[in-house]
């Protein structure tokens, strides 16, 4: 099996100016065909930018490049986008689900708490990151309840794929935010999504980290130290992470 690490939304900081990042999406080869974990921005987002993206660009410098859309990257990798029948979401903010309409026949796997937060009236600041049109094509959803099993001690839910994949509950950044763990030929890959800062950077003040990513950052750092054998990523990685990466087993 192989996993491709895709940058599906490049943006840079205005302050600090040396921050250059990409939104990480995973393309995992499974027994049910290629599975996407998050989608980044979609093709329509480049043509008709949602209001939250326009506001976002006031504080960051975004590279608005339609070639970064996941559907186009898959085609360049030799995959038929129609073969993507399943998409797993860490959460439903615009920069993680904008590409859903590009895969209209895919079943969308997401925690029930996240789906409910997305579909209700905004109740918290993080809800402003939801863009309703990203599900206007009425995709089929597979919703998951609270985890009753454990993955390395974290509450988790087994996804219906091989290799083994888990939704790992890391609520806080959004009400139903989850990490995604994938068993690879060389061990585990654990993408914690937006539950930790970009590439696990320590440049962000602790109070701002708690505000932006939620309550699990310290636990995730401790887990990362205790388990160096597990390859861990965040939902946004530094650009040099993507350089030369095609896939891994």
Protein backbone atom coordinates (compact mmCIF):
# COMPACT_ATOMS: atom_id res chain seq x y z
CA UNK A 1 0.00 0.00 0.00
CA UNK A 2 1.07 3.59 -0.32
CA UNK A 3 0.12 6.94 1.13
CA UNK A 4 0.49 10.16 -0.81
CA UNK A 5 0.95 13.42 1.09
CA UNK A 6 -0.80 16.21 -0.82
CA UNK A 7 -0.57 19.95 -0.23
CA UNK A 8 -4.06 21.18 -1.07
CA UNK A 9 -3.80 24.81 0.04
CA UNK A 10 -0.59 26.85 0.27
CA UNK A 11 -0.54 29.88 2.52
CA UNK A 12 2.12 31.98 4.20
CA UNK A 13 2.13 34.19 7.25
CA UNK A 14 2.21 37.94 7.14
CA UNK A 15 3.53 37.90 10.70
CA UNK A 16 5.74 35.91 11.00
CA UNK A 17 6.64 36.22 7.32
CA UNK A 18 8.83 33.10 7.28
CA UNK A 19 5.88 30.76 7.85
CA UNK A 20 5.12 28.91 4.61
CA UNK A 21 2.59 26.11 4.99
CA UNK A 22 0.40 23.68 3.11
CA UNK A 23 -2.87 21.98 4.07
CA UNK A 24 -2.14 18.27 4.36
CA UNK A 25 -4.45 15.78 2.68
CA UNK A 26 -3.69 12.06 2.60
CA UNK A 27 -4.44 9.71 -0.26
CA UNK A 28 -4.46 6.17 1.16
CA UNK A 29 -4.68 3.06 -0.99
CA UNK A 30 -7.15 0.67 0.64
CA UNK A 31 -9.16 -2.46 -0.08
CA UNK A 32 -12.00 -0.13 -1.19
CA UNK A 33 -9.91 1.97 -3.54
CA UNK A 34 -8.14 5.24 -2.83
CA UNK A 35 -9.42 7.02 0.28
CA UNK A 36 -8.89 10.75 0.81
CA UNK A 37 -8.34 12.11 4.30
CA UNK A 38 -9.52 15.74 4.04
CA UNK A 39 -9.73 17.52 0.68
CA UNK A 40 -8.31 21.03 1.02
CA UNK A 41 -9.91 23.66 -1.20
CA UNK A 42 -12.01 22.57 -4.17
CA UNK A 43 -12.17 23.80 -7.74
CA UNK A 44 -15.19 26.03 -7.06
CA UNK A 45 -13.36 27.75 -4.19
CA UNK A 46 -10.86 29.14 -6.67
CA UNK A 47 -13.60 30.48 -8.93
CA UNK A 48 -15.92 31.76 -6.20
CA UNK A 49 -14.01 32.25 -2.99
CA UNK A 50 -16.16 31.79 0.13
CA UNK A 51 -16.39 34.75 2.48
CA UNK A 52 -14.31 33.03 5.15
CA UNK A 53 -11.47 32.52 2.67
CA UNK A 54 -11.58 36.18 1.66
CA UNK A 55 -11.44 37.15 5.35
CA UNK A 56 -8.67 34.63 5.95
CA UNK A 57 -6.58 36.27 3.25
CA UNK A 58 -6.55 39.52 5.23
CA UNK A 59 -4.27 37.88 7.80
CA UNK A 60 -2.38 35.36 5.64
CA UNK A 61 -0.97 35.32 2.12
CA UNK A 62 -2.72 32.53 0.27
CA UNK A 63 -1.50 31.05 -3.01
CA UNK A 64 -4.72 30.76 -5.00
CA UNK A 65 -3.61 28.01 -7.36
CA UNK A 66 -6.34 25.75 -8.81
CA UNK A 67 -3.72 23.10 -9.56
CA UNK A 68 -3.56 22.40 -5.82
CA UNK A 69 -7.13 21.10 -5.83
CA UNK A 70 -7.04 17.44 -4.75
CA UNK A 71 -9.02 16.30 -7.79
CA UNK A 72 -6.36 17.69 -10.10
CA UNK A 73 -3.50 16.30 -8.08
CA UNK A 74 -5.04 12.82 -8.16
CA UNK A 75 -5.31 12.98 -11.93
CA UNK A 76 -1.63 13.93 -12.18
CA UNK A 77 -0.75 10.96 -9.97
CA UNK A 78 -2.59 8.66 -12.36
CA UNK A 79 -5.76 8.10 -10.31
CA UNK A 80 -9.22 8.39 -11.78
CA UNK A 81 -11.02 10.82 -9.42
CA UNK A 82 -14.17 8.73 -9.89
CA UNK A 83 -12.38 5.87 -8.12
CA UNK A 84 -12.45 7.83 -4.85
CA UNK A 85 -15.55 6.37 -3.21
CA UNK A 86 -14.70 7.35 0.36
CA UNK A 87 -13.47 10.54 2.04
CA UNK A 88 -12.56 10.72 5.74
CA UNK A 89 -12.68 14.12 7.43
CA UNK A 90 -10.78 15.30 10.48
CA UNK A 91 -13.28 18.18 10.67
CA UNK A 92 -15.41 20.31 8.36
CA UNK A 93 -13.69 23.69 8.15
CA UNK A 94 -13.58 25.16 4.65
CA UNK A 95 -9.88 24.42 4.08
CA UNK A 96 -10.43 20.73 4.84
CA UNK A 97 -13.71 20.01 2.99
CA UNK A 98 -13.80 22.47 0.07
CA UNK A 99 -13.02 19.67 -2.37
CA UNK A 100 -16.03 17.50 -1.44
CA UNK A 101 -18.06 18.66 -4.49
CA UNK A 102 -15.21 17.46 -6.74
CA UNK A 103 -15.96 13.89 -5.61
CA UNK A 104 -19.79 13.91 -5.68
CA UNK A 105 -20.22 10.12 -5.45
CA UNK A 106 -17.92 9.65 -2.43
CA UNK A 107 -19.27 8.64 0.96
CA UNK A 108 -18.09 11.14 3.59
CA UNK A 109 -16.93 9.63 6.88
CA UNK A 110 -17.01 12.09 9.80
CA UNK A 111 -17.80 12.15 13.50
CA UNK A 112 -21.48 12.78 14.24
CA UNK A 113 -20.63 15.67 16.58
CA UNK A 114 -18.81 17.44 13.77
CA UNK A 115 -21.65 16.94 11.30
CA UNK A 116 -24.14 18.31 13.83
CA UNK A 117 -21.96 21.36 14.48
CA UNK A 118 -21.67 21.96 10.75
CA UNK A 119 -25.41 21.76 10.13
CA UNK A 120 -26.68 23.79 13.12
CA UNK A 121 -26.72 27.58 13.53
CA UNK A 122 -23.29 28.96 14.55
CA UNK A 123 -22.73 28.73 18.31
CA UNK A 124 -19.01 29.36 18.66
CA UNK A 125 -16.26 31.23 16.85
CA UNK A 126 -14.88 28.12 15.18
CA UNK A 127 -18.29 27.55 13.51
CA UNK A 128 -17.50 30.48 11.21
CA UNK A 129 -15.11 28.17 9.37
CA UNK A 130 -18.01 26.08 8.04
CA UNK A 131 -19.23 26.76 4.49
CA UNK A 132 -22.62 25.16 3.80
CA UNK A 133 -22.24 25.07 0.03
CA UNK A 134 -19.49 22.48 0.39
CA UNK A 135 -22.23 19.87 0.95
CA UNK A 136 -24.82 21.38 -1.40
CA UNK A 137 -24.38 18.33 -3.66
CA UNK A 138 -25.97 16.26 -0.84
CA UNK A 139 -23.27 13.62 -0.36
CA UNK A 140 -23.90 10.40 1.50
CA UNK A 141 -22.55 10.64 5.05
CA UNK A 142 -21.29 7.84 7.29
CA UNK A 143 -21.55 9.26 10.80
CA UNK A 144 -19.68 7.90 13.81
CA UNK A 145 -20.68 8.14 17.47
CA UNK A 146 -18.44 8.54 20.49
CA UNK A 147 -15.57 6.08 20.58
CA UNK A 148 -16.01 3.05 22.81
CA UNK A 149 -12.70 1.49 21.78
CA UNK A 150 -9.14 2.73 22.21
CA UNK A 151 -6.23 3.38 19.90
CA UNK A 152 -3.07 3.71 22.02
CA UNK A 153 -5.28 4.89 24.86
CA UNK A 154 -7.19 7.53 22.88
CA UNK A 155 -10.98 7.12 22.43
CA UNK A 156 -11.34 5.96 18.84
CA UNK A 157 -13.60 4.42 16.21
CA UNK A 158 -12.53 1.82 13.67
CA UNK A 159 -13.13 2.81 10.05
CA UNK A 160 -14.31 0.13 7.58
CA UNK A 161 -11.09 -0.10 5.56
CA UNK A 162 -7.98 -2.17 5.24
CA UNK A 163 -5.26 -1.29 6.03
CA UNK A 164 -6.50 -0.56 9.54
CA UNK A 165 -7.74 3.03 9.95
CA UNK A 166 -9.16 4.80 13.01
CA UNK A 167 -10.94 8.05 13.81
CA UNK A 168 -9.27 9.26 17.00
CA UNK A 169 -11.34 11.67 19.08
CA UNK A 170 -9.51 14.97 19.61
CA UNK A 171 -12.47 17.28 20.23
CA UNK A 172 -11.78 20.96 20.81
CA UNK A 173 -10.60 22.74 17.69
CA UNK A 174 -14.15 21.99 16.52
CA UNK A 175 -16.84 20.05 18.42
CA UNK A 176 -16.22 16.78 16.57
CA UNK A 177 -12.60 17.14 15.47
CA UNK A 178 -10.76 13.83 15.09
CA UNK A 179 -7.32 12.63 14.16
CA UNK A 180 -6.87 9.77 11.70
CA UNK A 181 -4.54 6.83 12.32
CA UNK A 182 -3.47 4.54 9.47
CA UNK A 183 -1.52 1.30 9.84
CA UNK A 184 1.24 1.24 7.23
CA UNK A 185 3.73 -1.46 6.26
CA UNK A 186 6.32 0.23 8.47
CA UNK A 187 4.13 1.10 11.45
CA UNK A 188 1.52 3.77 12.15
CA UNK A 189 0.83 7.17 10.64
CA UNK A 190 -1.14 9.44 12.97
CA UNK A 191 -2.47 12.66 11.47
CA UNK A 192 -3.72 14.77 14.39
CA UNK A 193 -5.34 17.31 12.06
CA UNK A 194 -5.76 20.74 13.63
CA UNK A 195 -5.42 19.49 17.22
CA UNK A 196 -1.78 20.62 17.22
CA UNK A 197 -0.06 23.66 15.67
CA UNK A 198 1.61 23.63 12.25
CA UNK A 199 4.18 20.87 12.11
CA UNK A 200 4.19 20.73 15.94
CA UNK A 201 5.91 24.11 16.04
CA UNK A 202 6.73 25.55 19.44
CA UNK A 203 6.88 29.14 18.17
CA UNK A 204 3.24 29.80 19.06
CA UNK A 205 2.61 31.02 22.64
CA UNK A 206 0.86 28.35 24.75
CA UNK A 207 -2.22 30.52 25.39
CA UNK A 208 -2.68 31.06 21.64
CA UNK A 209 -2.16 27.38 20.93
CA UNK A 210 -4.93 26.44 23.37
CA UNK A 211 -7.22 29.02 21.81
CA UNK A 212 -6.60 27.93 18.22
CA UNK A 213 -6.16 24.15 18.37
CA UNK A 214 -7.95 23.08 21.53
CA UNK A 215 -7.05 21.23 24.72
CA UNK A 216 -5.03 18.24 23.46
CA UNK A 217 -1.78 19.87 22.34
CA UNK A 218 0.20 19.02 25.49
CA UNK A 219 -1.06 15.43 25.48
CA UNK A 220 -0.19 15.09 21.81
CA UNK A 221 3.34 16.35 22.44
CA UNK A 222 3.75 13.87 25.29
CA UNK A 223 2.43 11.06 23.09
CA UNK A 224 4.83 12.05 20.30
CA UNK A 225 7.77 11.91 22.71
CA UNK A 226 6.66 8.56 24.12
CA UNK A 227 6.10 6.99 20.68
CA UNK A 228 8.87 8.05 18.29
CA UNK A 229 8.08 4.98 16.21
CA UNK A 230 4.76 6.54 15.12
CA UNK A 231 4.95 8.95 12.20
CA UNK A 232 2.86 11.96 13.22
CA UNK A 233 1.61 14.86 11.12
CA UNK A 234 -0.64 17.87 11.59
CA UNK A 235 -3.38 19.21 9.34
CA UNK A 236 -1.10 22.00 8.15
CA UNK A 237 2.58 21.26 7.57
CA UNK A 238 5.57 23.36 6.56
CA UNK A 239 6.09 23.48 2.81
CA UNK A 240 9.42 21.66 2.97
CA UNK A 241 7.53 18.64 4.34
CA UNK A 242 5.93 18.14 0.94
CA UNK A 243 9.10 18.49 -1.13
CA UNK A 244 9.92 15.24 -2.87
CA UNK A 245 7.14 13.30 -1.13
CA UNK A 246 5.20 11.00 -3.43
CA UNK A 247 4.15 8.13 -1.22
CA UNK A 248 5.25 5.75 1.50
CA UNK A 249 4.33 2.33 2.69
